[in-house]
mmCIF file of all heavy atoms, coordinates in Angstrom:
data_MODEL
# 
_entry.id   MODEL 
# 
loop_
_atom_site.group_PDB 
_atom_site.id 
_atom_site.type_symbol 
_atom_site.label_atom_id 
_atom_site.label_alt_id 
_atom_site.label_comp_id 
_atom_site.label_asym_id 
_atom_site.label_entity_id 
_atom_site.label_seq_id 
_atom_site.pdbx_PDB_ins_code 
_atom_site.Cartn_x 
_atom_site.Cartn_y 
_atom_site.Cartn_z 
_atom_site.occupancy 
_atom_site.B_iso_or_equiv 
_atom_site.pdbx_formal_charge 
_atom_site.auth_seq_id 
_atom_site.auth_comp_id 
_atom_site.auth_asym_id 
_atom_site.auth_atom_id 
_atom_site.pdbx_PDB_model_num 
ATOM 1   N N   . MET A 1 1  ? 0.810   -1.213 0.000   1.00 0.00 ? 1  MET A N   1 
ATOM 2   C CA  . MET A 1 1  ? 0.000   0.000  0.000   1.00 0.00 ? 1  MET A CA  1 
ATOM 3   C C   . MET A 1 1  ? 0.849   1.271  0.000   1.00 0.00 ? 1  MET A C   1 
ATOM 4   O O   . MET A 1 1  ? 0.551   2.225  -0.721  1.00 0.00 ? 1  MET A O   1 
ATOM 5   C CB  . MET A 1 1  ? -0.929  -0.013 1.218   1.00 0.00 ? 1  MET A CB  1 
ATOM 6   C CG  . MET A 1 1  ? -1.919  1.117  1.259   1.00 0.00 ? 1  MET A CG  1 
ATOM 7   S SD  . MET A 1 1  ? -3.036  1.200  -0.169  1.00 0.00 ? 1  MET A SD  1 
ATOM 8   C CE  . MET A 1 1  ? -3.831  -0.387 -0.091  1.00 0.00 ? 1  MET A CE  1 
ATOM 9   N N   . THR A 1 2  ? 1.904   1.313  0.787   1.00 0.00 ? 2  THR A N   1 
ATOM 10  C CA  . THR A 1 2  ? 2.709   2.528  0.921   1.00 0.00 ? 2  THR A CA  1 
ATOM 11  C C   . THR A 1 2  ? 3.328   2.980  -0.405  1.00 0.00 ? 2  THR A C   1 
ATOM 12  O O   . THR A 1 2  ? 3.225   4.155  -0.751  1.00 0.00 ? 2  THR A O   1 
ATOM 13  C CB  . THR A 1 2  ? 3.768   2.339  2.026   1.00 0.00 ? 2  THR A CB  1 
ATOM 14  O OG1 . THR A 1 2  ? 3.091   1.989  3.240   1.00 0.00 ? 2  THR A OG1 1 
ATOM 15  C CG2 . THR A 1 2  ? 4.562   3.596  2.247   1.00 0.00 ? 2  THR A CG2 1 
ATOM 16  N N   . PRO A 1 3  ? 3.955   2.088  -1.184  1.00 0.00 ? 3  PRO A N   1 
ATOM 17  C CA  . PRO A 1 3  ? 4.497   2.532  -2.479  1.00 0.00 ? 3  PRO A CA  1 
ATOM 18  C C   . PRO A 1 3  ? 3.404   2.996  -3.451  1.00 0.00 ? 3  PRO A C   1 
ATOM 19  O O   . PRO A 1 3  ? 3.607   3.936  -4.216  1.00 0.00 ? 3  PRO A O   1 
ATOM 20  C CB  . PRO A 1 3  ? 5.225   1.307  -3.029  1.00 0.00 ? 3  PRO A CB  1 
ATOM 21  C CG  . PRO A 1 3  ? 5.480   0.441  -1.850  1.00 0.00 ? 3  PRO A CG  1 
ATOM 22  C CD  . PRO A 1 3  ? 4.361   0.722  -0.884  1.00 0.00 ? 3  PRO A CD  1 
ATOM 23  N N   . TRP A 1 4  ? 2.240   2.346  -3.405  1.00 0.00 ? 4  TRP A N   1 
ATOM 24  C CA  . TRP A 1 4  ? 1.152   2.773  -4.279  1.00 0.00 ? 4  TRP A CA  1 
ATOM 25  C C   . TRP A 1 4  ? 0.681   4.178  -3.901  1.00 0.00 ? 4  TRP A C   1 
ATOM 26  O O   . TRP A 1 4  ? 0.468   5.023  -4.769  1.00 0.00 ? 4  TRP A O   1 
ATOM 27  C CB  . TRP A 1 4  ? -0.008  1.775  -4.220  1.00 0.00 ? 4  TRP A CB  1 
ATOM 28  C CG  . TRP A 1 4  ? -1.160  2.189  -5.074  1.00 0.00 ? 4  TRP A CG  1 
ATOM 29  C CD1 . TRP A 1 4  ? -1.241  2.089  -6.436  1.00 0.00 ? 4  TRP A CD1 1 
ATOM 30  C CD2 . TRP A 1 4  ? -2.368  2.811  -4.634  1.00 0.00 ? 4  TRP A CD2 1 
ATOM 31  N NE1 . TRP A 1 4  ? -2.448  2.608  -6.862  1.00 0.00 ? 4  TRP A NE1 1 
ATOM 32  C CE2 . TRP A 1 4  ? -3.157  3.051  -5.787  1.00 0.00 ? 4  TRP A CE2 1 
ATOM 33  C CE3 . TRP A 1 4  ? -2.863  3.172  -3.394  1.00 0.00 ? 4  TRP A CE3 1 
ATOM 34  C CZ2 . TRP A 1 4  ? -4.410  3.638  -5.715  1.00 0.00 ? 4  TRP A CZ2 1 
ATOM 35  C CZ3 . TRP A 1 4  ? -4.115  3.756  -3.325  1.00 0.00 ? 4  TRP A CZ3 1 
ATOM 36  C CH2 . TRP A 1 4  ? -4.869  3.984  -4.473  1.00 0.00 ? 4  TRP A CH2 1 
ATOM 37  N N   . LEU A 1 5  ? 0.547   4.432  -2.608  1.00 0.00 ? 5  LEU A N   1 
ATOM 38  C CA  . LEU A 1 5  ? 0.165   5.775  -2.166  1.00 0.00 ? 5  LEU A CA  1 
ATOM 39  C C   . LEU A 1 5  ? 1.198   6.809  -2.611  1.00 0.00 ? 5  LEU A C   1 
ATOM 40  O O   . LEU A 1 5  ? 0.839   7.916  -3.010  1.00 0.00 ? 5  LEU A O   1 
ATOM 41  C CB  . LEU A 1 5  ? 0.010   5.809  -0.648  1.00 0.00 ? 5  LEU A CB  1 
ATOM 42  C CG  . LEU A 1 5  ? -1.302  5.259  -0.110  1.00 0.00 ? 5  LEU A CG  1 
ATOM 43  C CD1 . LEU A 1 5  ? -1.212  5.068  1.400   1.00 0.00 ? 5  LEU A CD1 1 
ATOM 44  C CD2 . LEU A 1 5  ? -2.454  6.153  -0.479  1.00 0.00 ? 5  LEU A CD2 1 
ATOM 45  N N   . ALA A 1 6  ? 2.472   6.447  -2.559  1.00 0.00 ? 6  ALA A N   1 
ATOM 46  C CA  . ALA A 1 6  ? 3.526   7.369  -3.010  1.00 0.00 ? 6  ALA A CA  1 
ATOM 47  C C   . ALA A 1 6  ? 3.366   7.679  -4.502  1.00 0.00 ? 6  ALA A C   1 
ATOM 48  O O   . ALA A 1 6  ? 3.567   8.823  -4.929  1.00 0.00 ? 6  ALA A O   1 
ATOM 49  C CB  . ALA A 1 6  ? 4.903   6.778  -2.728  1.00 0.00 ? 6  ALA A CB  1 
ATOM 50  N N   . ARG A 1 7  ? 2.969   6.685  -5.295  1.00 0.00 ? 7  ARG A N   1 
ATOM 51  C CA  . ARG A 1 7  ? 2.748   6.931  -6.731  1.00 0.00 ? 7  ARG A CA  1 
ATOM 52  C C   . ARG A 1 7  ? 1.573   7.882  -6.957  1.00 0.00 ? 7  ARG A C   1 
ATOM 53  O O   . ARG A 1 7  ? 1.608   8.714  -7.854  1.00 0.00 ? 7  ARG A O   1 
ATOM 54  C CB  . ARG A 1 7  ? 2.538   5.609  -7.476  1.00 0.00 ? 7  ARG A CB  1 
ATOM 55  C CG  . ARG A 1 7  ? 3.799   4.778  -7.574  1.00 0.00 ? 7  ARG A CG  1 
ATOM 56  C CD  . ARG A 1 7  ? 3.681   3.623  -8.553  1.00 0.00 ? 7  ARG A CD  1 
ATOM 57  N NE  . ARG A 1 7  ? 2.587   2.710  -8.294  1.00 0.00 ? 7  ARG A NE  1 
ATOM 58  C CZ  . ARG A 1 7  ? 2.666   1.634  -7.517  1.00 0.00 ? 7  ARG A CZ  1 
ATOM 59  N NH1 . ARG A 1 7  ? 3.786   1.340  -6.884  1.00 0.00 ? 7  ARG A NH1 1 
ATOM 60  N NH2 . ARG A 1 7  ? 1.632   0.831  -7.359  1.00 0.00 ? 7  ARG A NH2 1 
ATOM 61  N N   . THR A 1 8  ? 0.533   7.782  -6.118  1.00 0.00 ? 8  THR A N   1 
ATOM 62  C CA  . THR A 1 8  ? -0.593  8.714  -6.286  1.00 0.00 ? 8  THR A CA  1 
ATOM 63  C C   . THR A 1 8  ? -0.144  10.136 -5.970  1.00 0.00 ? 8  THR A C   1 
ATOM 64  O O   . THR A 1 8  ? -0.634  11.089 -6.571  1.00 0.00 ? 8  THR A O   1 
ATOM 65  C CB  . THR A 1 8  ? -1.809  8.352  -5.395  1.00 0.00 ? 8  THR A CB  1 
ATOM 66  O OG1 . THR A 1 8  ? -1.534  8.611  -4.021  1.00 0.00 ? 8  THR A OG1 1 
ATOM 67  C CG2 . THR A 1 8  ? -2.242  6.906  -5.607  1.00 0.00 ? 8  THR A CG2 1 
ATOM 68  N N   . GLN A 1 9  ? 0.796   10.278 -5.038  1.00 0.00 ? 9  GLN A N   1 
ATOM 69  C CA  . GLN A 1 9  ? 1.318   11.603 -4.687  1.00 0.00 ? 9  GLN A CA  1 
ATOM 70  C C   . GLN A 1 9  ? 2.144   12.197 -5.833  1.00 0.00 ? 9  GLN A C   1 
ATOM 71  O O   . GLN A 1 9  ? 2.222   13.417 -5.967  1.00 0.00 ? 9  GLN A O   1 
ATOM 72  C CB  . GLN A 1 9  ? 2.175   11.530 -3.412  1.00 0.00 ? 9  GLN A CB  1 
ATOM 73  C CG  . GLN A 1 9  ? 1.423   11.103 -2.182  1.00 0.00 ? 9  GLN A CG  1 
ATOM 74  C CD  . GLN A 1 9  ? 0.423   12.133 -1.688  1.00 0.00 ? 9  GLN A CD  1 
ATOM 75  O OE1 . GLN A 1 9  ? 0.531   13.317 -1.959  1.00 0.00 ? 9  GLN A OE1 1 
ATOM 76  N NE2 . GLN A 1 9  ? -0.571  11.669 -0.954  1.00 0.00 ? 9  GLN A NE2 1 
ATOM 77  N N   . LEU A 1 10 ? 2.764   11.335 -6.648  1.00 0.00 ? 10 LEU A N   1 
ATOM 78  C CA  . LEU A 1 10 ? 3.481   11.826 -7.824  1.00 0.00 ? 10 LEU A CA  1 
ATOM 79  C C   . LEU A 1 10 ? 2.504   12.390 -8.854  1.00 0.00 ? 10 LEU A C   1 
ATOM 80  O O   . LEU A 1 10 ? 2.800   13.377 -9.520  1.00 0.00 ? 10 LEU A O   1 
ATOM 81  C CB  . LEU A 1 10 ? 4.307   10.708 -8.466  1.00 0.00 ? 10 LEU A CB  1 
ATOM 82  C CG  . LEU A 1 10 ? 5.496   10.193 -7.665  1.00 0.00 ? 10 LEU A CG  1 
ATOM 83  C CD1 . LEU A 1 10 ? 6.112   8.988  -8.358  1.00 0.00 ? 10 LEU A CD1 1 
ATOM 84  C CD2 . LEU A 1 10 ? 6.517   11.297 -7.455  1.00 0.00 ? 10 LEU A CD2 1 
ATOM 85  N N   . LEU A 1 11 ? 1.349   11.751 -8.970  1.00 0.00 ? 11 LEU A N   1 
ATOM 86  C CA  . LEU A 1 11 ? 0.342   12.214 -9.928  1.00 0.00 ? 11 LEU A CA  1 
ATOM 87  C C   . LEU A 1 11 ? -0.282  13.534 -9.492  1.00 0.00 ? 11 LEU A C   1 
ATOM 88  O O   . LEU A 1 11 ? -0.418  14.459 -10.287 1.00 0.00 ? 11 LEU A O   1 
ATOM 89  C CB  . LEU A 1 11 ? -0.756  11.164 -10.093 1.00 0.00 ? 11 LEU A CB  1 
ATOM 90  C CG  . LEU A 1 11 ? -0.333  9.877  -10.769 1.00 0.00 ? 11 LEU A CG  1 
ATOM 91  C CD1 . LEU A 1 11 ? -1.439  8.837  -10.644 1.00 0.00 ? 11 LEU A CD1 1 
ATOM 92  C CD2 . LEU A 1 11 ? 0.001   10.128 -12.230 1.00 0.00 ? 11 LEU A CD2 1 
ATOM 93  N N   . VAL A 1 12 ? -0.704  13.589 -8.236  1.00 0.00 ? 12 VAL A N   1 
ATOM 94  C CA  . VAL A 1 12 ? -1.304  14.797 -7.672  1.00 0.00 ? 12 VAL A CA  1 
ATOM 95  C C   . VAL A 1 12 ? -0.755  14.940 -6.255  1.00 0.00 ? 12 VAL A C   1 
ATOM 96  O O   . VAL A 1 12 ? -1.225  14.253 -5.340  1.00 0.00 ? 12 VAL A O   1 
ATOM 97  C CB  . VAL A 1 12 ? -2.845  14.735 -7.641  1.00 0.00 ? 12 VAL A CB  1 
ATOM 98  C CG1 . VAL A 1 12 ? -3.423  16.006 -7.048  1.00 0.00 ? 12 VAL A CG1 1 
ATOM 99  C CG2 . VAL A 1 12 ? -3.421  14.478 -9.022  1.00 0.00 ? 12 VAL A CG2 1 
ATOM 100 N N   . PRO A 1 13 ? 0.254   15.780 -6.069  1.00 0.00 ? 13 PRO A N   1 
ATOM 101 C CA  . PRO A 1 13 ? 0.826   15.947 -4.725  1.00 0.00 ? 13 PRO A CA  1 
ATOM 102 C C   . PRO A 1 13 ? -0.218  16.449 -3.720  1.00 0.00 ? 13 PRO A C   1 
ATOM 103 O O   . PRO A 1 13 ? -1.110  17.228 -4.074  1.00 0.00 ? 13 PRO A O   1 
ATOM 104 C CB  . PRO A 1 13 ? 1.924   16.991 -4.929  1.00 0.00 ? 13 PRO A CB  1 
ATOM 105 C CG  . PRO A 1 13 ? 2.267   16.898 -6.391  1.00 0.00 ? 13 PRO A CG  1 
ATOM 106 C CD  . PRO A 1 13 ? 0.973   16.557 -7.079  1.00 0.00 ? 13 PRO A CD  1 
ATOM 107 N N   . ALA A 1 14 ? -0.085  15.982 -2.488  1.00 0.00 ? 14 ALA A N   1 
ATOM 108 C CA  . ALA A 1 14 ? -0.975  16.450 -1.418  1.00 0.00 ? 14 ALA A CA  1 
ATOM 109 C C   . ALA A 1 14 ? -0.888  17.962 -1.329  1.00 0.00 ? 14 ALA A C   1 
ATOM 110 O O   . ALA A 1 14 ? 0.186   18.544 -1.397  1.00 0.00 ? 14 ALA A O   1 
ATOM 111 C CB  . ALA A 1 14 ? -0.586  15.808 -0.097  1.00 0.00 ? 14 ALA A CB  1 
ATOM 112 N N   . GLY A 1 15 ? -2.044  18.601 -1.218  1.00 0.00 ? 15 GLY A N   1 
ATOM 113 C CA  . GLY A 1 15 ? -2.103  20.053 -1.145  1.00 0.00 ? 15 GLY A CA  1 
ATOM 114 C C   . GLY A 1 15 ? -2.327  20.723 -2.478  1.00 0.00 ? 15 GLY A C   1 
ATOM 115 O O   . GLY A 1 15 ? -2.654  21.905 -2.546  1.00 0.00 ? 15 GLY A O   1 
ATOM 116 N N   . SER A 1 16 ? -2.142  19.974 -3.568  1.00 0.00 ? 16 SER A N   1 
ATOM 117 C CA  . SER A 1 16 ? -2.352  20.574 -4.894  1.00 0.00 ? 16 SER A CA  1 
ATOM 118 C C   . SER A 1 16 ? -3.581  19.983 -5.593  1.00 0.00 ? 16 SER A C   1 
ATOM 119 O O   . SER A 1 16 ? -3.743  20.138 -6.801  1.00 0.00 ? 16 SER A O   1 
ATOM 120 C CB  . SER A 1 16 ? -1.113  20.383 -5.771  1.00 0.00 ? 16 SER A CB  1 
ATOM 121 O OG  . SER A 1 16 ? -0.947  19.017 -6.095  1.00 0.00 ? 16 SER A OG  1 
ATOM 122 N N   . GLU A 1 17 ? -4.456  19.344 -4.827  1.00 0.00 ? 17 GLU A N   1 
ATOM 123 C CA  . GLU A 1 17 ? -5.632  18.708 -5.422  1.00 0.00 ? 17 GLU A CA  1 
ATOM 124 C C   . GLU A 1 17 ? -6.517  19.698 -6.173  1.00 0.00 ? 17 GLU A C   1 
ATOM 125 O O   . GLU A 1 17 ? -7.077  19.370 -7.206  1.00 0.00 ? 17 GLU A O   1 
ATOM 126 C CB  . GLU A 1 17 ? -6.454  17.982 -4.348  1.00 0.00 ? 17 GLU A CB  1 
ATOM 127 C CG  . GLU A 1 17 ? -5.798  16.762 -3.771  1.00 0.00 ? 17 GLU A CG  1 
ATOM 128 C CD  . GLU A 1 17 ? -4.921  17.057 -2.567  1.00 0.00 ? 17 GLU A CD  1 
ATOM 129 O OE1 . GLU A 1 17 ? -4.710  18.249 -2.235  1.00 0.00 ? 17 GLU A OE1 1 
ATOM 130 O OE2 . GLU A 1 17 ? -4.443  16.099 -1.945  1.00 0.00 ? 17 GLU A OE2 1 
ATOM 131 N N   . GLU A 1 18 ? -6.638  20.923 -5.658  1.00 0.00 ? 18 GLU A N   1 
ATOM 132 C CA  . GLU A 1 18 ? -7.476  21.937 -6.313  1.00 0.00 ? 18 GLU A CA  1 
ATOM 133 C C   . GLU A 1 18 ? -6.970  22.272 -7.711  1.00 0.00 ? 18 GLU A C   1 
ATOM 134 O O   . GLU A 1 18 ? -7.731  22.648 -8.588  1.00 0.00 ? 18 GLU A O   1 
ATOM 135 C CB  . GLU A 1 18 ? -7.543  23.210 -5.475  1.00 0.00 ? 18 GLU A CB  1 
ATOM 136 C CG  . GLU A 1 18 ? -8.430  23.091 -4.263  1.00 0.00 ? 18 GLU A CG  1 
ATOM 137 C CD  . GLU A 1 18 ? -9.903  22.932 -4.614  1.00 0.00 ? 18 GLU A CD  1 
ATOM 138 O OE1 . GLU A 1 18 ? -10.397 23.573 -5.564  1.00 0.00 ? 18 GLU A OE1 1 
ATOM 139 O OE2 . GLU A 1 18 ? -10.576 22.158 -3.918  1.00 0.00 ? 18 GLU A OE2 1 
ATOM 140 N N   . ALA A 1 19 ? -5.664  22.134 -7.913  1.00 0.00 ? 19 ALA A N   1 
ATOM 141 C CA  . ALA A 1 19 ? -5.061  22.465 -9.209  1.00 0.00 ? 19 ALA A CA  1 
ATOM 142 C C   . ALA A 1 19 ? -5.023  21.269 -10.155 1.00 0.00 ? 19 ALA A C   1 
ATOM 143 O O   . ALA A 1 19 ? -4.556  21.394 -11.280 1.00 0.00 ? 19 ALA A O   1 
ATOM 144 C CB  . ALA A 1 19 ? -3.639  22.994 -9.000  1.00 0.00 ? 19 ALA A CB  1 
ATOM 145 N N   . ALA A 1 20 ? -5.515  20.112 -9.719  1.00 0.00 ? 20 ALA A N   1 
ATOM 146 C CA  . ALA A 1 20 ? -5.488  18.921 -10.568 1.00 0.00 ? 20 ALA A CA  1 
ATOM 147 C C   . ALA A 1 20 ? -6.294  19.173 -11.835 1.00 0.00 ? 20 ALA A C   1 
ATOM 148 O O   . ALA A 1 20 ? -7.333  19.830 -11.808 1.00 0.00 ? 20 ALA A O   1 
ATOM 149 C CB  . ALA A 1 20 ? -6.058  17.717 -9.817  1.00 0.00 ? 20 ALA A CB  1 
ATOM 150 N N   . PRO A 1 21 ? -5.815  18.653 -12.965 1.00 0.00 ? 21 PRO A N   1 
ATOM 151 C CA  . PRO A 1 21 ? -6.513  18.912 -14.217 1.00 0.00 ? 21 PRO A CA  1 
ATOM 152 C C   . PRO A 1 21 ? -7.891  18.259 -14.265 1.00 0.00 ? 21 PRO A C   1 
ATOM 153 O O   . PRO A 1 21 ? -8.076  17.163 -13.760 1.00 0.00 ? 21 PRO A O   1 
ATOM 154 C CB  . PRO A 1 21 ? -5.591  18.296 -15.277 1.00 0.00 ? 21 PRO A CB  1 
ATOM 155 C CG  . PRO A 1 21 ? -4.781  17.285 -14.545 1.00 0.00 ? 21 PRO A CG  1 
ATOM 156 C CD  . PRO A 1 21 ? -4.651  17.799 -13.135 1.00 0.00 ? 21 PRO A CD  1 
ATOM 157 N N   . ASP A 1 22 ? -8.833  18.961 -14.845 1.00 0.00 ? 22 ASP A N   1 
ATOM 158 C CA  . ASP A 1 22 ? -10.176 18.428 -15.063 1.00 0.00 ? 22 ASP A CA  1 
ATOM 159 C C   . ASP A 1 22 ? -10.170 17.765 -16.437 1.00 0.00 ? 22 ASP A C   1 
ATOM 160 O O   . ASP A 1 22 ? -10.517 18.376 -17.442 1.00 0.00 ? 22 ASP A O   1 
ATOM 161 C CB  . ASP A 1 22 ? -11.209 19.559 -15.006 1.00 0.00 ? 22 ASP A CB  1 
ATOM 162 C CG  . ASP A 1 22 ? -12.610 19.084 -15.322 1.00 0.00 ? 22 ASP A CG  1 
ATOM 163 O OD1 . ASP A 1 22 ? -12.839 17.855 -15.389 1.00 0.00 ? 22 ASP A OD1 1 
ATOM 164 O OD2 . ASP A 1 22 ? -13.484 19.948 -15.518 1.00 0.00 ? 22 ASP A OD2 1 
ATOM 165 N N   . LEU A 1 23 ? -9.716  16.499 -16.484 1.00 0.00 ? 23 LEU A N   1 
ATOM 166 C CA  . LEU A 1 23 ? -9.561  15.804 -17.761 1.00 0.00 ? 23 LEU A CA  1 
ATOM 167 C C   . LEU A 1 23 ? -10.888 15.634 -18.485 1.00 0.00 ? 23 LEU A C   1 
ATOM 168 O O   . LEU A 1 23 ? -10.955 15.792 -19.706 1.00 0.00 ? 23 LEU A O   1 
ATOM 169 C CB  . LEU A 1 23 ? -8.876  14.453 -17.539 1.00 0.00 ? 23 LEU A CB  1 
ATOM 170 C CG  . LEU A 1 23 ? -7.475  14.526 -16.936 1.00 0.00 ? 23 LEU A CG  1 
ATOM 171 C CD1 . LEU A 1 23 ? -6.917  13.133 -16.716 1.00 0.00 ? 23 LEU A CD1 1 
ATOM 172 C CD2 . LEU A 1 23 ? -6.547  15.344 -17.808 1.00 0.00 ? 23 LEU A CD2 1 
ATOM 173 N N   . ASP A 1 24 ? -11.948 15.322 -17.759 1.00 0.00 ? 24 ASP A N   1 
ATOM 174 C CA  . ASP A 1 24 ? -13.254 15.164 -18.395 1.00 0.00 ? 24 ASP A CA  1 
ATOM 175 C C   . ASP A 1 24 ? -13.712 16.481 -19.013 1.00 0.00 ? 24 ASP A C   1 
ATOM 176 O O   . ASP A 1 24 ? -14.201 16.520 -20.144 1.00 0.00 ? 24 ASP A O   1 
ATOM 177 C CB  . ASP A 1 24 ? -14.305 14.674 -17.394 1.00 0.00 ? 24 ASP A CB  1 
ATOM 178 C CG  . ASP A 1 24 ? -14.077 13.236 -16.966 1.00 0.00 ? 24 ASP A CG  1 
ATOM 179 O OD1 . ASP A 1 24 ? -13.461 12.480 -17.736 1.00 0.00 ? 24 ASP A OD1 1 
ATOM 180 O OD2 . ASP A 1 24 ? -14.534 12.876 -15.871 1.00 0.00 ? 24 ASP A OD2 1 
ATOM 181 N N   . GLY A 1 25 ? -13.553 17.572 -18.264 1.00 0.00 ? 25 GLY A N   1 
ATOM 182 C CA  . GLY A 1 25 ? -13.946 18.883 -18.774 1.00 0.00 ? 25 GLY A CA  1 
ATOM 183 C C   . GLY A 1 25 ? -13.130 19.302 -19.973 1.00 0.00 ? 25 GLY A C   1 
ATOM 184 O O   . GLY A 1 25 ? -13.657 19.833 -20.960 1.00 0.00 ? 25 GLY A O   1 
ATOM 185 N N   . GLU A 1 26 ? -11.822 19.064 -19.924 1.00 0.00 ? 26 GLU A N   1 
ATOM 186 C CA  . GLU A 1 26 ? -10.949 19.410 -21.052 1.00 0.00 ? 26 GLU A CA  1 
ATOM 187 C C   . GLU A 1 26 ? -11.303 18.596 -22.283 1.00 0.00 ? 26 GLU A C   1 
ATOM 188 O O   . GLU A 1 26 ? -11.344 19.122 -23.398 1.00 0.00 ? 26 GLU A O   1 
ATOM 189 C CB  . GLU A 1 26 ? -9.477  19.192 -20.686 1.00 0.00 ? 26 GLU A CB  1 
ATOM 190 C CG  . GLU A 1 26 ? -8.894  20.302 -19.857 1.00 0.00 ? 26 GLU A CG  1 
ATOM 191 C CD  . GLU A 1 26 ? -8.948  21.648 -20.583 1.00 0.00 ? 26 GLU A CD  1 
ATOM 192 O OE1 . GLU A 1 26 ? -8.457  21.755 -21.728 1.00 0.00 ? 26 GLU A OE1 1 
ATOM 193 O OE2 . GLU A 1 26 ? -9.501  22.593 -20.006 1.00 0.00 ? 26 GLU A OE2 1 
ATOM 194 N N   . LEU A 1 27 ? -11.551 17.294 -22.108 1.00 0.00 ? 27 LEU A N   1 
ATOM 195 C CA  . LEU A 1 27 ? -11.919 16.446 -23.238 1.00 0.00 ? 27 LEU A CA  1 
ATOM 196 C C   . LEU A 1 27 ? -13.239 16.906 -23.841 1.00 0.00 ? 27 LEU A C   1 
ATOM 197 O O   . LEU A 1 27 ? -13.376 17.007 -25.068 1.00 0.00 ? 27 LEU A O   1 
ATOM 198 C CB  . LEU A 1 27 ? -12.005 14.986 -22.797 1.00 0.00 ? 27 LEU A CB  1 
ATOM 199 C CG  . LEU A 1 27 ? -12.309 13.970 -23.896 1.00 0.00 ? 27 LEU A CG  1 
ATOM 200 C CD1 . LEU A 1 27 ? -11.255 14.038 -25.004 1.00 0.00 ? 27 LEU A CD1 1 
ATOM 201 C CD2 . LEU A 1 27 ? -12.380 12.580 -23.315 1.00 0.00 ? 27 LEU A CD2 1 
ATOM 202 N N   . SER A 1 28 ? -14.214 17.220 -23.011 1.00 0.00 ? 28 SER A N   1 
ATOM 203 C CA  . SER A 1 28 ? -15.505 17.717 -23.506 1.00 0.00 ? 28 SER A CA  1 
ATOM 204 C C   . SER A 1 28 ? -15.319 19.020 -24.281 1.00 0.00 ? 28 SER A C   1 
ATOM 205 O O   . SER A 1 28 ? -15.903 19.216 -25.346 1.00 0.00 ? 28 SER A O   1 
ATOM 206 C CB  . SER A 1 28 ? -16.478 17.952 -22.349 1.00 0.00 ? 28 SER A CB  1 
ATOM 207 O OG  . SER A 1 28 ? -16.801 16.740 -21.744 1.00 0.00 ? 28 SER A OG  1 
ATOM 208 N N   . ARG A 1 29 ? -14.481 19.912 -23.748 1.00 0.00 ? 29 ARG A N   1 
ATOM 209 C CA  . ARG A 1 29 ? -14.218 21.186 -24.427 1.00 0.00 ? 29 ARG A CA  1 
ATOM 210 C C   . ARG A 1 29 ? -13.558 20.945 -25.783 1.00 0.00 ? 29 ARG A C   1 
ATOM 211 O O   . ARG A 1 29 ? -13.986 21.505 -26.794 1.00 0.00 ? 29 ARG A O   1 
ATOM 212 C CB  . ARG A 1 29 ? -13.318 22.072 -23.560 1.00 0.00 ? 29 ARG A CB  1 
ATOM 213 C CG  . ARG A 1 29 ? -13.091 23.473 -24.143 1.00 0.00 ? 29 ARG A CG  1 
ATOM 214 C CD  . ARG A 1 29 ? -12.079 24.268 -23.346 1.00 0.00 ? 29 ARG A CD  1 
ATOM 215 N NE  . ARG A 1 29 ? -10.747 23.689 -23.323 1.00 0.00 ? 29 ARG A NE  1 
ATOM 216 C CZ  . ARG A 1 29 ? -9.873  23.749 -24.340 1.00 0.00 ? 29 ARG A CZ  1 
ATOM 217 N NH1 . ARG A 1 29 ? -10.193 24.331 -25.460 1.00 0.00 ? 29 ARG A NH1 1 
ATOM 218 N NH2 . ARG A 1 29 ? -8.684  23.204 -24.221 1.00 0.00 ? 29 ARG A NH2 1 
# 
């Protein structure tokens, strides 16, 4: 579990969730 959680932090670091890309919205646009 710990290494997997670390990989999720690489995708979206803790504290930057608000800035995460809205992939569905971008694709729709």
